[in-house]
Amino acid sequence: MGVKFKKIKVEFNLFCKIMKINLYFSNKKNKISFKNLDRKDKRRVKNSPNLLNNSNFISSRWLKFGHKKRKFCISHKNGFSVLATFDKKIAIDMEIYEKRDFIKVVDFCFDKNEKKYFYNSSNQKLAFYKIFTTKEAIIKLKNLGFENFKDVSYFDKNITKFHILLNGFFITIVF
């Protein structure tokens, strides 16, 4: 049946201080009740009733129910969700690490420096996922929309980023 909830602690040294990020994973598919949703999610479901049958929404809400901390971020893909908690604002993005038509996305979403990095990389698949997931996570961190994709940069010096490849998923954490 798969993992219901799995917790991974990520520890790293940043400016001589040990930092800890908790990652929680779920692929829980049990139905959720509308009455158990918070106000924001109830509005989302009223606008899109099919969310209650969406495996991404379901697994991510089960994670959200278990975490009352204010500083968390959720990402989901194919019914599998990851939630990150940290002691400051954090964002996370997750993608399935697979071959795809990178060129169309690169040409549409990447700026000239990101394109140069991608095209000059000996591992374009890895370069693509590093850039793409970082940009998506930065958009979440800054509360922007997809229309701002070209406005955020993988090379932003004010963003700390970590990449994790786990069970076929490429995960990026930014803060």
Protein backbone atom coordinates (compact mmCIF):
# COMPACT_ATOMS: atom_id res chain seq x y z
CA MET A 1 0.00 0.00 0.00
CA GLY A 2 2.95 2.38 0.41
CA VAL A 3 4.12 4.87 2.97
CA LYS A 4 1.42 6.77 4.86
CA PHE A 5 3.62 9.28 6.63
CA LYS A 6 7.38 9.33 6.62
CA LYS A 7 9.56 11.92 8.32
CA ILE A 8 13.08 12.85 7.26
CA LYS A 9 15.24 15.35 9.13
CA VAL A 10 17.63 17.39 7.01
CA GLU A 11 20.44 18.99 9.00
CA PHE A 12 22.97 21.38 7.54
CA ASN A 13 25.52 23.91 8.66
CA LEU A 14 24.78 27.50 7.67
CA PHE A 15 27.17 30.17 8.89
CA CYS A 16 28.42 27.88 11.69
CA LYS A 17 24.88 27.17 12.91
CA ILE A 18 23.21 23.77 12.60
CA MET A 19 19.85 24.20 10.84
CA LYS A 20 17.11 21.56 10.84
CA ILE A 21 14.37 21.11 8.26
CA ASN A 22 11.75 18.42 8.71
CA LEU A 23 10.28 16.79 5.63
CA TYR A 24 7.08 14.75 5.88
CA PHE A 25 6.00 12.49 3.03
CA SER A 26 2.58 10.98 2.35
CA ASN A 27 0.67 9.14 -0.30
CA LYS A 28 -2.40 8.71 1.90
CA LYS A 29 -5.49 8.40 -0.28
CA ASN A 30 -8.28 8.12 2.33
CA LYS A 31 -11.11 10.50 1.52
CA ILE A 32 -11.23 13.76 3.46
CA SER A 33 -14.29 15.46 4.80
CA PHE A 34 -15.17 19.00 3.76
CA LYS A 35 -15.88 19.87 7.41
CA ASN A 36 -12.26 19.04 8.38
CA LEU A 37 -10.78 21.56 5.93
CA ASP A 38 -9.58 24.99 7.02
CA ARG A 39 -11.30 28.13 5.72
CA LYS A 40 -8.87 28.62 2.82
CA ASP A 41 -9.24 25.02 1.60
CA LYS A 42 -13.03 25.15 1.94
CA ARG A 43 -13.04 28.18 -0.41
CA ARG A 44 -10.82 26.28 -2.85
CA VAL A 45 -13.15 23.26 -2.78
CA LYS A 46 -16.24 25.43 -3.25
CA ASN A 47 -14.61 26.87 -6.40
CA SER A 48 -13.32 23.45 -7.54
CA PRO A 49 -15.42 20.62 -6.00
CA ASN A 50 -13.38 17.94 -7.80
CA LEU A 51 -10.46 18.67 -5.47
CA LEU A 52 -12.03 16.31 -2.95
CA ASN A 53 -11.34 13.51 -5.47
CA ASN A 54 -7.86 14.73 -6.46
CA SER A 55 -5.11 12.45 -5.11
CA ASN A 56 -2.62 15.35 -4.86
CA PHE A 57 -5.05 17.46 -2.85
CA ILE A 58 -6.02 14.53 -0.62
CA SER A 59 -2.48 13.42 0.28
CA SER A 60 -1.32 17.00 0.87
CA ARG A 61 -4.29 17.78 3.12
CA TRP A 62 -3.56 14.72 5.27
CA LEU A 63 -0.08 16.12 5.80
CA LYS A 64 -1.45 19.59 6.48
CA PHE A 65 -3.92 18.23 9.10
CA GLY A 66 -0.99 16.88 11.12
CA HIS A 67 1.02 20.10 11.19
CA LYS A 68 -0.19 23.20 12.92
CA LYS A 69 3.10 25.11 12.55
CA ARG A 70 2.73 28.32 10.60
CA LYS A 71 5.99 27.98 8.67
CA PHE A 72 5.48 25.09 6.30
CA CYS A 73 5.12 24.51 2.60
CA ILE A 74 3.59 21.64 0.62
CA SER A 75 4.30 20.24 -2.82
CA HIS A 76 2.65 17.27 -4.51
CA LYS A 77 2.90 15.18 -7.63
CA ASN A 78 1.04 12.04 -8.75
CA GLY A 79 -0.72 11.54 -5.42
CA PHE A 80 2.47 11.83 -3.39
CA SER A 81 3.02 14.88 -1.15
CA VAL A 82 5.86 16.41 0.80
CA LEU A 83 5.56 19.01 3.54
CA ALA A 84 8.57 20.97 4.84
CA THR A 85 8.77 22.73 8.21
CA PHE A 86 11.48 25.10 9.32
CA ASP A 87 11.93 27.88 11.87
CA LYS A 88 11.63 30.53 9.15
CA LYS A 89 9.75 30.94 5.90
CA ILE A 90 10.42 28.01 3.60
CA ALA A 91 9.23 26.76 0.22
CA ILE A 92 9.47 23.40 -1.48
CA ASP A 93 8.84 21.98 -4.92
CA MET A 94 8.78 18.38 -6.06
CA GLU A 95 8.80 16.89 -9.54
CA ILE A 96 9.05 13.35 -10.86
CA TYR A 97 12.67 12.92 -11.98
CA GLU A 98 12.12 11.65 -15.51
CA LYS A 99 13.08 12.42 -19.07
CA ARG A 100 10.72 14.87 -20.76
CA ASP A 101 10.71 17.51 -23.48
CA PHE A 102 13.00 19.94 -21.67
CA ILE A 103 13.59 22.28 -24.62
CA LYS A 104 10.03 23.68 -24.80
CA VAL A 105 10.01 24.45 -21.08
CA VAL A 106 13.55 25.86 -21.11
CA ASP A 107 12.77 28.20 -23.99
CA PHE A 108 9.54 29.37 -22.38
CA CYS A 109 10.49 29.59 -18.69
CA PHE A 110 14.25 30.09 -18.32
CA ASP A 111 16.15 33.37 -18.54
CA LYS A 112 19.33 33.68 -20.65
CA ASN A 113 21.70 32.70 -17.81
CA GLU A 114 19.60 29.67 -16.91
CA LYS A 115 19.43 28.64 -20.58
CA LYS A 116 23.20 28.95 -20.86
CA TYR A 117 23.67 26.81 -17.72
CA PHE A 118 21.23 24.20 -19.06
CA TYR A 119 22.62 23.99 -22.60
CA ASN A 120 26.24 23.83 -21.37
CA SER A 121 25.53 21.14 -18.78
CA SER A 122 26.85 17.62 -19.27
CA ASN A 123 23.73 16.38 -17.44
CA GLN A 124 20.82 18.38 -18.88
CA LYS A 125 18.21 16.35 -17.01
CA LEU A 126 19.77 17.25 -13.64
CA ALA A 127 20.34 20.87 -14.68
CA PHE A 128 16.72 21.19 -15.79
CA TYR A 129 15.26 19.90 -12.54
CA LYS A 130 17.60 22.01 -10.42
CA ILE A 131 16.55 25.19 -12.23
CA PHE A 132 12.87 24.38 -12.70
CA THR A 133 12.15 23.24 -9.14
CA THR A 134 14.16 26.11 -7.67
CA LYS A 135 12.17 28.64 -9.69
CA GLU A 136 8.85 27.06 -8.63
CA ALA A 137 9.93 27.03 -4.98
CA ILE A 138 11.04 30.69 -5.15
CA ILE A 139 7.64 31.61 -6.61
CA LYS A 140 6.01 29.96 -3.58
CA LEU A 141 8.47 31.60 -1.18
CA LYS A 142 7.73 35.06 -2.58
CA ASN A 143 3.97 34.47 -2.98
CA LEU A 144 4.11 35.05 -6.73
CA GLY A 145 2.15 33.48 -9.56
CA PHE A 146 3.25 31.34 -12.50
CA GLU A 147 3.22 34.44 -14.67
CA ASN A 148 6.33 35.53 -12.72
CA PHE A 149 8.31 32.43 -13.69
CA LYS A 150 10.83 34.37 -15.79
CA ASP A 151 11.12 37.06 -13.09
CA VAL A 152 12.73 34.72 -10.54
CA SER A 153 16.21 33.33 -11.00
CA TYR A 154 17.92 30.09 -10.09
CA PHE A 155 21.03 32.22 -9.52
CA ASP A 156 19.41 34.54 -6.93
CA LYS A 157 22.15 35.13 -4.34
CA ASN A 158 19.57 35.89 -1.62
CA ILE A 159 18.07 32.40 -1.75
CA THR A 160 19.50 29.34 -0.01
CA LYS A 161 18.59 26.15 -1.85
CA PHE A 162 18.94 22.41 -1.36
CA HIS A 163 18.22 19.64 -3.83
CA ILE A 164 17.29 16.07 -2.90
CA LEU A 165 16.71 13.11 -5.20
CA LEU A 166 14.53 10.60 -3.34
CA ASN A 167 12.49 7.64 -4.60
CA GLY A 168 12.29 9.03 -8.14
CA PHE A 169 11.33 12.55 -7.02
CA PHE A 170 13.51 15.64 -7.39
CA ILE A 171 12.86 17.93 -4.41
CA THR A 172 14.10 21.48 -3.94
CA ILE A 173 13.90 23.43 -0.70
CA VAL A 174 14.48 27.19 -0.63
CA PHE A 175 14.50 29.81 2.11
